[in-house]
């Protein structure tokens, strides 16, 4: 707390000395920070470590994202949650921690929020108090301003690894079995339409990235997201599309549905939709049903069966169709459902790989191929394995790709 007070005092002194008509780069500001900190350190007889810590905190307050900057720079931290100016939490190693630091005031927190949204060319204010943006490193940010957020403006940051996690890494950490990973790699290569479901924080985006590595490099891929966070590697013919919010200057919004319609005119071979949340589910299914084999998407659900129910609801949000027609669209569009879950030990696992085989007596028929079976608990860690419990029934695409049955 004492350092926070010192940082505020030194920051005020530097801001008084800055020529507002002059464009300062980070090096200029850091030089001023070093000079101010050196004087203060001599007066208070601070040690080298204390001085370096103060320099970093002061520079972050002036040019970066203040007290959350060090959390962003820690590669082991996966999520950062700001609940008002005085409460900051972060997830590290699957466990939640409270950070001892806090913003100096509500005004400083709001300054940081405006800095974040400005870097993505977006806007957040009382008229539009909720926004999704991304940082330059790809981290996903959700912001809800006060008074909609009753206890102070809230920031939620989902960080992603600098290097995309590949399927081999997921196999090594036990998230998926080698057999299941091998089968999924072949399914992606053969052009099966795959839908990934799971709860919040279950790793859907990470898994979608891992699946995308098996798309042949010569294919044309269009990705569509609310906030671009997919990290597809070694895909030269890639177009990344991102939605746009409306603003007070009359700029019209660009929705997921708009982008899907645009993507269909861009000669895509694969369409990847980051997440289906609403009426765009109808457009995703129509794309899957009109020759864009191998398309991928994700959605929030508690199971494969629940994902089908949610898809029905989302499609009906976009168009008033008979339920039988909706289920027929789902059954003919989606080939494979992959369900992810976060277990009690906070580990992320593939819980089910299920084939959608068709419609029988008005119900979508599922054929489970792999299922996670828990065998016990060892020192708080969940033990179990992804077991093969069925066989792929629709093998047309498999055979057309030249794979042995």
Protein backbone atom coordinates (compact mmCIF):
# COMPACT_ATOMS: atom_id res chain seq x y z
CA UNK A 1 0.00 0.00 0.00
CA UNK A 2 2.93 2.33 0.76
CA UNK A 3 4.35 1.74 -2.72
CA UNK A 4 0.96 2.61 -4.27
CA UNK A 5 0.99 5.97 -2.49
CA UNK A 6 4.58 6.63 -3.62
CA UNK A 7 3.73 5.70 -7.21
CA UNK A 8 0.80 8.14 -7.20
CA UNK A 9 2.98 10.96 -5.87
CA UNK A 10 5.82 10.37 -8.36
CA UNK A 11 3.34 9.91 -11.21
CA UNK A 12 1.77 13.30 -10.41
CA UNK A 13 5.22 14.93 -10.42
CA UNK A 14 6.13 13.42 -13.82
CA UNK A 15 2.78 14.38 -15.36
CA UNK A 16 3.35 18.00 -14.24
CA UNK A 17 6.71 18.05 -16.00
CA UNK A 18 5.58 16.42 -19.26
CA UNK A 19 5.12 18.72 -22.23
CA UNK A 20 1.70 17.72 -23.54
CA UNK A 21 2.54 19.14 -26.97
CA UNK A 22 5.45 16.73 -27.30
CA UNK A 23 5.03 13.13 -28.51
CA UNK A 24 6.84 10.92 -26.00
CA UNK A 25 7.95 7.37 -26.69
CA UNK A 26 8.35 4.71 -24.00
CA UNK A 27 12.11 5.35 -23.77
CA UNK A 28 11.54 9.02 -22.93
CA UNK A 29 9.03 8.20 -20.21
CA UNK A 30 11.23 5.45 -18.75
CA UNK A 31 14.16 7.90 -18.57
CA UNK A 32 11.99 10.30 -16.54
CA UNK A 33 10.86 7.41 -14.34
CA UNK A 34 14.46 6.42 -13.65
CA UNK A 35 15.43 9.99 -12.73
CA UNK A 36 12.49 10.45 -10.35
CA UNK A 37 12.95 7.03 -8.77
CA UNK A 38 16.70 7.58 -8.29
CA UNK A 39 16.07 10.82 -6.36
CA UNK A 40 13.40 9.18 -4.21
CA UNK A 41 15.57 6.11 -3.59
CA UNK A 42 18.47 8.29 -2.30
CA UNK A 43 16.13 10.20 0.00
CA UNK A 44 14.57 7.06 1.47
CA UNK A 45 17.72 4.90 1.19
CA UNK A 46 15.96 2.19 -0.81
CA UNK A 47 17.74 -1.00 -1.80
CA UNK A 48 18.29 -1.97 -5.43
CA UNK A 49 15.35 -4.42 -5.52
CA UNK A 50 12.98 -1.88 -3.98
CA UNK A 51 14.08 0.75 -6.46
CA UNK A 52 13.62 -1.56 -9.46
CA UNK A 53 10.17 -2.59 -8.20
CA UNK A 54 9.19 1.06 -7.80
CA UNK A 55 10.49 1.93 -11.29
CA UNK A 56 8.47 -0.86 -12.86
CA UNK A 57 5.28 0.04 -10.97
CA UNK A 58 5.65 3.72 -11.89
CA UNK A 59 6.26 3.00 -15.58
CA UNK A 60 3.28 0.61 -15.67
CA UNK A 61 1.08 3.29 -14.12
CA UNK A 62 2.17 5.84 -16.73
CA UNK A 63 2.37 3.82 -19.95
CA UNK A 64 0.95 0.34 -19.40
CA UNK A 65 -2.08 -1.15 -17.63
CA UNK A 66 -1.04 -0.14 -14.11
CA UNK A 67 -1.29 -2.82 -11.42
CA UNK A 68 -2.52 -5.61 -13.72
CA UNK A 69 0.44 -5.24 -16.13
CA UNK A 70 2.67 -7.63 -14.14
CA UNK A 71 -0.14 -10.19 -14.06
CA UNK A 72 -0.43 -9.94 -17.85
CA UNK A 73 3.32 -10.51 -18.20
CA UNK A 74 3.26 -13.67 -16.05
CA UNK A 75 2.96 -16.56 -18.53
CA UNK A 76 1.68 -18.92 -15.82
CA UNK A 77 -1.42 -16.79 -15.14
CA UNK A 78 -4.36 -17.80 -17.34
CA UNK A 79 -7.12 -15.43 -16.18
CA UNK A 80 -7.30 -12.02 -14.50
CA UNK A 81 -10.46 -10.69 -12.87
CA UNK A 82 -10.90 -7.12 -11.65
CA UNK A 83 -13.97 -6.58 -9.45
CA UNK A 84 -13.83 -2.84 -8.89
CA UNK A 85 -10.71 -0.85 -8.05
CA UNK A 86 -9.80 -2.68 -4.85
CA UNK A 87 -10.33 -6.37 -5.69
CA UNK A 88 -8.11 -8.17 -8.21
CA UNK A 89 -8.05 -11.94 -8.64
CA UNK A 90 -6.12 -14.24 -10.95
CA UNK A 91 -5.99 -17.91 -11.86
CA UNK A 92 -2.63 -19.66 -11.76
CA UNK A 93 -2.09 -23.39 -12.02
CA UNK A 94 -5.85 -23.92 -12.06
CA UNK A 95 -6.31 -22.19 -8.66
CA UNK A 96 -7.78 -18.80 -7.85
CA UNK A 97 -5.70 -16.23 -5.94
CA UNK A 98 -6.35 -12.70 -4.71
CA UNK A 99 -3.71 -10.15 -5.63
CA UNK A 100 -2.50 -7.77 -2.93
CA UNK A 101 -2.33 -4.87 -5.38
CA UNK A 102 -5.25 -2.58 -6.19
CA UNK A 103 -5.96 0.43 -8.33
CA UNK A 104 -5.38 3.76 -6.64
CA UNK A 105 -8.94 4.92 -7.43
CA UNK A 106 -12.02 4.25 -9.51
CA UNK A 107 -10.81 6.95 -11.87
CA UNK A 108 -7.52 5.12 -12.44
CA UNK A 109 -9.39 1.89 -13.16
CA UNK A 110 -11.59 3.70 -15.68
CA UNK A 111 -8.49 5.23 -17.30
CA UNK A 112 -7.06 1.73 -17.77
CA UNK A 113 -10.38 0.52 -19.22
CA UNK A 114 -10.41 3.35 -21.77
CA UNK A 115 -6.79 2.56 -22.63
CA UNK A 116 -7.72 -1.09 -23.29
CA UNK A 117 -10.71 -0.36 -25.53
CA UNK A 118 -8.89 2.42 -27.42
CA UNK A 119 -6.13 -0.05 -28.38
CA UNK A 120 -8.80 -2.16 -30.16
CA UNK A 121 -10.53 0.86 -31.73
CA UNK A 122 -13.68 0.21 -29.72
CA UNK A 123 -15.77 2.25 -27.31
CA UNK A 124 -17.28 1.76 -23.87
CA UNK A 125 -19.32 4.35 -21.98
CA UNK A 126 -22.57 4.80 -20.05
CA UNK A 127 -24.59 4.46 -23.25
CA UNK A 128 -22.78 1.24 -24.17
CA UNK A 129 -21.38 -0.14 -20.88
CA UNK A 130 -20.46 -3.68 -22.02
CA UNK A 131 -17.75 -4.49 -24.54
CA UNK A 132 -15.57 -7.41 -25.68
CA UNK A 133 -12.10 -6.55 -26.96
CA UNK A 134 -8.70 -8.19 -27.27
CA UNK A 135 -5.23 -7.09 -26.30
CA UNK A 136 -2.26 -6.99 -28.67
CA UNK A 137 -1.08 -10.38 -27.36
CA UNK A 138 -4.45 -11.98 -28.24
CA UNK A 139 -5.86 -12.02 -24.70
CA UNK A 140 -9.66 -11.77 -24.61
CA UNK A 141 -11.14 -8.97 -22.49
CA UNK A 142 -14.69 -8.41 -21.30
CA UNK A 143 -15.54 -5.09 -19.64
CA UNK A 144 -18.69 -4.11 -17.75
CA UNK A 145 -18.81 -0.54 -16.47
CA UNK A 146 -20.26 0.78 -13.23
CA UNK A 147 -23.18 1.14 -12.41
CA UNK A 148 -24.20 -1.90 -14.47
CA UNK A 149 -21.50 -3.68 -12.47
CA UNK A 150 -22.77 -2.71 -9.02
CA UNK A 151 -19.52 -2.97 -7.05
CA UNK A 152 -17.34 -1.09 -9.51
CA UNK A 153 -16.31 -1.54 -13.12
CA UNK A 154 -15.31 -5.15 -13.89
CA UNK A 155 -12.61 -6.48 -16.20
CA UNK A 156 -12.26 -10.17 -17.11
CA UNK A 157 -9.16 -11.15 -19.09
CA UNK A 158 -8.70 -14.62 -20.58
CA UNK A 159 -5.06 -15.08 -21.52
CA UNK A 160 -3.84 -17.44 -24.20
CA UNK A 161 -0.40 -19.04 -24.54
CA UNK A 162 2.08 -17.20 -26.76
CA UNK A 163 2.61 -20.40 -28.72
CA UNK A 164 -0.59 -22.29 -29.66
CA UNK A 165 -1.10 -25.57 -27.81
CA UNK A 166 -0.94 -28.43 -30.29
CA UNK A 167 -2.71 -31.77 -30.02
CA UNK A 168 0.53 -33.48 -28.99
CA UNK A 169 0.64 -31.25 -25.90
CA UNK A 170 -2.95 -32.12 -25.00
CA UNK A 171 -2.09 -35.81 -25.26
CA UNK A 172 0.99 -35.36 -23.03
CA UNK A 173 -0.98 -33.57 -20.32
CA UNK A 174 -3.73 -36.20 -20.36
CA UNK A 175 -6.53 -34.05 -21.78
CA UNK A 176 -7.13 -36.57 -24.57
CA UNK A 177 -5.90 -40.08 -25.37
CA UNK A 178 -3.49 -40.72 -28.23
CA UNK A 179 -6.06 -42.94 -29.99
CA UNK A 180 -8.78 -40.28 -29.81
CA UNK A 181 -6.36 -37.57 -30.97
CA UNK A 182 -5.32 -39.71 -33.94
CA UNK A 183 -8.94 -40.29 -34.92
CA UNK A 184 -9.80 -36.59 -34.67
CA UNK A 185 -6.80 -35.67 -36.81
CA UNK A 186 -8.09 -38.00 -39.53
CA UNK A 187 -11.66 -36.72 -39.18
CA UNK A 188 -10.49 -33.12 -39.66
CA UNK A 189 -8.36 -34.12 -42.63
CA UNK A 190 -11.26 -36.01 -44.20
CA UNK A 191 -13.55 -32.96 -43.96
CA UNK A 192 -15.95 -33.98 -41.17
CA UNK A 193 -17.86 -31.04 -39.68
CA UNK A 194 -16.92 -30.90 -35.99
CA UNK A 195 -18.64 -28.98 -33.22
CA UNK A 196 -16.83 -28.54 -29.87
CA UNK A 197 -18.97 -28.06 -26.76
CA UNK A 198 -18.18 -27.40 -23.12
CA UNK A 199 -18.67 -25.09 -20.18
CA UNK A 200 -16.92 -21.80 -19.47
CA UNK A 201 -13.17 -22.28 -19.13
CA UNK A 202 -13.24 -25.87 -20.39
CA UNK A 203 -10.72 -25.11 -23.16
CA UNK A 204 -12.92 -24.93 -26.25
CA UNK A 205 -10.85 -22.29 -28.06
CA UNK A 206 -7.60 -24.06 -27.21
CA UNK A 207 -9.02 -27.33 -28.53
CA UNK A 208 -10.30 -25.65 -31.69
CA UNK A 209 -6.76 -24.37 -32.29
CA UNK A 210 -5.40 -27.87 -31.81
CA UNK A 211 -7.90 -29.33 -34.28
CA UNK A 212 -7.05 -26.70 -36.88
CA UNK A 213 -3.46 -27.93 -37.15
CA UNK A 214 -4.78 -30.94 -39.10
CA UNK A 215 -6.38 -28.82 -41.84
CA UNK A 216 -4.27 -29.23 -44.99
CA UNK A 217 -2.07 -26.19 -45.49
CA UNK A 218 -3.20 -25.57 -49.07
CA UNK A 219 -6.88 -25.10 -48.16
CA UNK A 220 -8.51 -21.65 -47.92
CA UNK A 221 -9.75 -21.00 -44.38
CA UNK A 222 -12.03 -18.22 -43.12
CA UNK A 223 -12.20 -17.67 -39.34
CA UNK A 224 -15.09 -15.68 -37.84
CA UNK A 225 -15.00 -14.47 -34.22
CA UNK A 226 -16.42 -11.85 -31.88
CA UNK A 227 -12.87 -11.07 -30.74
CA UNK A 228 -10.10 -12.68 -32.75
CA UNK A 229 -8.28 -15.17 -30.54
CA UNK A 230 -7.70 -18.24 -32.70
CA UNK A 231 -4.02 -18.84 -33.48
CA UNK A 232 -3.87 -20.94 -36.63
CA UNK A 233 -0.29 -21.76 -37.58
CA UNK A 234 1.20 -22.51 -41.00
CA UNK A 235 -2.02 -21.66 -42.85
CA UNK A 236 -0.99 -19.29 -45.67
CA UNK A 237 -4.45 -19.01 -47.28
CA UNK A 238 -6.15 -17.71 -44.13
CA UNK A 239 -8.62 -14.82 -43.76
CA UNK A 240 -9.51 -13.69 -40.22
CA UNK A 241 -12.79 -11.81 -39.71
CA UNK A 242 -13.91 -10.07 -36.53
CA UNK A 243 -17.23 -8.49 -35.53
CA UNK A 244 -17.65 -4.77 -34.91
CA UNK A 245 -19.87 -3.01 -32.41
CA UNK A 246 -21.92 0.05 -33.26
CA UNK A 247 -20.89 3.38 -31.77
CA UNK A 248 -22.29 6.82 -31.13
CA UNK A 249 -20.79 8.13 -34.38
CA UNK A 250 -23.27 6.11 -36.41
CA UNK A 251 -20.97 3.24 -37.34
CA UNK A 252 -23.17 0.21 -38.01
CA UNK A 253 -22.45 -3.08 -36.20
CA UNK A 254 -21.03 -6.07 -38.08
CA UNK A 255 -22.38 -9.30 -36.59
CA UNK A 256 -21.33 -12.94 -36.79
CA UNK A 257 -24.23 -13.51 -39.19
CA UNK A 258 -22.99 -10.71 -41.44
CA UNK A 259 -19.50 -12.20 -41.49
CA UNK A 260 -20.72 -15.72 -42.28
CA UNK A 261 -22.69 -14.39 -45.24
CA UNK A 262 -19.62 -12.47 -46.41
CA UNK A 263 -17.40 -15.52 -45.93
CA UNK A 264 -19.58 -17.62 -48.22
CA UNK A 265 -18.68 -15.23 -51.07
CA UNK A 266 -14.94 -15.55 -50.41
CA UNK A 267 -14.54 -19.09 -51.80
CA UNK A 268 -13.82 -20.74 -48.45
CA UNK A 269 -12.96 -24.42 -48.21
CA UNK A 270 -13.24 -24.37 -44.43
CA UNK A 271 -15.20 -21.98 -42.22
CA UNK A 272 -14.28 -21.76 -38.54
CA UNK A 273 -16.71 -19.88 -36.28
CA UNK A 274 -15.18 -19.16 -32.88
CA UNK A 275 -18.42 -19.60 -30.96
CA UNK A 276 -22.15 -19.89 -31.67
CA UNK A 277 -24.19 -17.89 -29.18
CA UNK A 278 -27.38 -17.06 -31.03
CA UNK A 279 -29.14 -16.86 -34.37
CA UNK A 280 -25.86 -17.30 -36.26
CA UNK A 281 -26.16 -21.05 -35.52
CA UNK A 282 -28.59 -21.23 -38.47
CA UNK A 283 -25.99 -19.71 -40.80
CA UNK A 284 -23.28 -22.06 -39.52
CA UNK A 285 -25.48 -25.10 -40.19
CA UNK A 286 -26.40 -23.82 -43.64
CA UNK A 287 -22.71 -23.38 -44.46
CA UNK A 288 -22.03 -26.92 -43.28
CA UNK A 289 -24.90 -28.16 -45.43
CA UNK A 290 -23.81 -26.36 -48.61
CA UNK A 291 -20.47 -27.92 -49.43
CA UNK A 292 -18.16 -26.39 -46.84
CA UNK A 293 -17.04 -29.71 -45.40
CA UNK A 294 -14.59 -29.68 -42.54
CA UNK A 295 -16.04 -26.60 -40.89
CA UNK A 296 -15.50 -26.13 -37.15
CA UNK A 297 -17.26 -24.24 -34.37
CA UNK A 298 -17.86 -24.23 -30.61
CA UNK A 299 -20.71 -23.63 -28.19
CA UNK A 300 -21.53 -23.61 -24.48
CA UNK A 301 -23.26 -26.74 -23.20
CA UNK A 302 -23.12 -29.34 -20.43
CA UNK A 303 -23.11 -32.41 -22.70
CA UNK A 304 -23.34 -33.43 -26.35
CA UNK A 305 -27.09 -33.94 -26.06
CA UNK A 306 -27.48 -30.58 -24.34
CA UNK A 307 -25.50 -28.96 -27.18
CA UNK A 308 -28.06 -30.24 -29.66
CA UNK A 309 -30.88 -28.72 -27.60
CA UNK A 310 -29.06 -25.39 -27.42
CA UNK A 311 -28.46 -25.45 -31.17
CA UNK A 312 -32.18 -25.98 -31.73
CA UNK A 313 -32.94 -22.96 -29.56
CA UNK A 314 -30.33 -20.81 -31.29
CA UNK A 315 -31.55 -21.74 -34.77
CA UNK A 316 -35.13 -20.86 -33.78
CA UNK A 317 -33.85 -17.45 -32.65
CA UNK A 318 -32.84 -16.81 -36.25
CA UNK A 319 -35.84 -18.23 -38.11
CA UNK A 320 -39.25 -19.67 -37.31
CA UNK A 321 -38.86 -23.24 -38.58
CA UNK A 322 -40.60 -26.51 -37.70
CA UNK A 323 -38.58 -28.38 -35.06
CA UNK A 324 -38.32 -31.39 -37.36
CA UNK A 325 -36.65 -29.22 -40.02
CA UNK A 326 -34.23 -27.80 -37.46
CA UNK A 327 -33.21 -31.25 -36.27
CA UNK A 328 -32.77 -32.39 -39.84
CA UNK A 329 -30.47 -29.43 -40.49
CA UNK A 330 -28.41 -30.25 -37.38
CA UNK A 331 -28.17 -33.94 -38.21
CA UNK A 332 -27.09 -33.35 -41.80
CA UNK A 333 -24.74 -30.45 -40.96
CA UNK A 334 -22.80 -31.67 -37.93
CA UNK A 335 -20.87 -34.93 -38.17
CA UNK A 336 -18.98 -35.03 -34.87
CA UNK A 337 -19.54 -33.52 -31.41
CA UNK A 338 -16.57 -33.21 -29.05
CA UNK A 339 -17.48 -32.37 -25.45
CA UNK A 340 -14.93 -30.90 -23.03
CA UNK A 341 -15.21 -30.53 -19.29
CA UNK A 342 -13.35 -29.18 -16.30
CA UNK A 343 -13.14 -31.78 -13.54
CA UNK A 344 -13.08 -31.22 -9.79
CA UNK A 345 -9.25 -31.09 -9.79
CA UNK A 346 -9.51 -28.21 -12.34
CA UNK A 347 -8.04 -30.35 -15.12
CA UNK A 348 -9.54 -29.95 -18.59
CA UNK A 349 -10.44 -33.21 -20.33
CA UNK A 350 -12.21 -34.45 -23.43
CA UNK A 351 -15.24 -36.20 -21.93
CA UNK A 352 -16.94 -37.47 -25.07
CA UNK A 353 -16.49 -37.78 -28.83
CA UNK A 354 -19.86 -38.50 -30.41
CA UNK A 355 -21.05 -38.99 -33.97
CA UNK A 356 -24.34 -37.49 -35.16
CA UNK A 357 -25.84 -40.28 -37.27
CA UNK A 358 -29.22 -38.88 -38.33
CA UNK A 359 -32.82 -38.44 -37.19
CA UNK A 360 -35.07 -41.27 -36.04
CA UNK A 361 -38.69 -40.76 -34.98
CA UNK A 362 -38.13 -37.02 -34.68
CA UNK A 363 -35.03 -37.26 -32.46
CA UNK A 364 -31.40 -36.70 -33.43
CA UNK A 365 -29.51 -39.98 -33.03
CA UNK A 366 -26.06 -39.97 -31.41
CA UNK A 367 -23.37 -42.63 -31.58
CA UNK A 368 -20.75 -42.21 -28.85
CA UNK A 369 -17.29 -43.29 -30.00
CA UNK A 370 -15.11 -42.23 -27.03
CA UNK A 371 -16.17 -41.65 -23.42
CA UNK A 372 -14.15 -40.50 -20.40
CA UNK A 373 -14.39 -43.04 -17.57
CA UNK A 374 -13.26 -41.93 -14.11
CA UNK A 375 -11.47 -44.65 -12.14
CA UNK A 376 -10.75 -42.85 -8.88
CA UNK A 377 -9.07 -39.96 -7.04
CA UNK A 378 -5.35 -39.85 -6.26
CA UNK A 379 -4.24 -37.08 -3.87
CA UNK A 380 -7.02 -34.85 -5.14
CA UNK A 381 -6.31 -35.59 -8.81
CA UNK A 382 -8.99 -37.24 -10.93
CA UNK A 383 -7.84 -40.54 -12.45
CA UNK A 384 -9.48 -41.92 -15.57
CA UNK A 385 -9.14 -42.46 -19.28
CA UNK A 386 -10.91 -41.75 -22.53
CA UNK A 387 -12.12 -45.17 -23.60
CA UNK A 388 -13.32 -46.22 -27.04
CA UNK A 389 -16.92 -47.38 -26.76
CA UNK A 390 -18.13 -47.36 -30.37
CA UNK A 391 -17.22 -47.17 -34.05
CA UNK A 392 -17.70 -44.50 -36.69
CA UNK A 393 -20.84 -45.32 -38.70
CA UNK A 394 -20.81 -42.70 -41.47
CA UNK A 395 -17.59 -43.52 -43.32
CA UNK A 396 -18.24 -41.89 -46.73
CA UNK A 397 -15.90 -38.94 -46.13
CA UNK A 398 -13.40 -41.29 -44.46
CA UNK A 399 -13.26 -43.53 -47.52
CA UNK A 400 -13.20 -40.60 -49.94
CA UNK A 401 -10.09 -39.31 -48.15
CA UNK A 402 -8.42 -42.65 -48.81
CA UNK A 403 -8.16 -43.71 -45.17
CA UNK A 404 -8.19 -47.43 -44.31
CA UNK A 405 -11.29 -48.58 -42.44
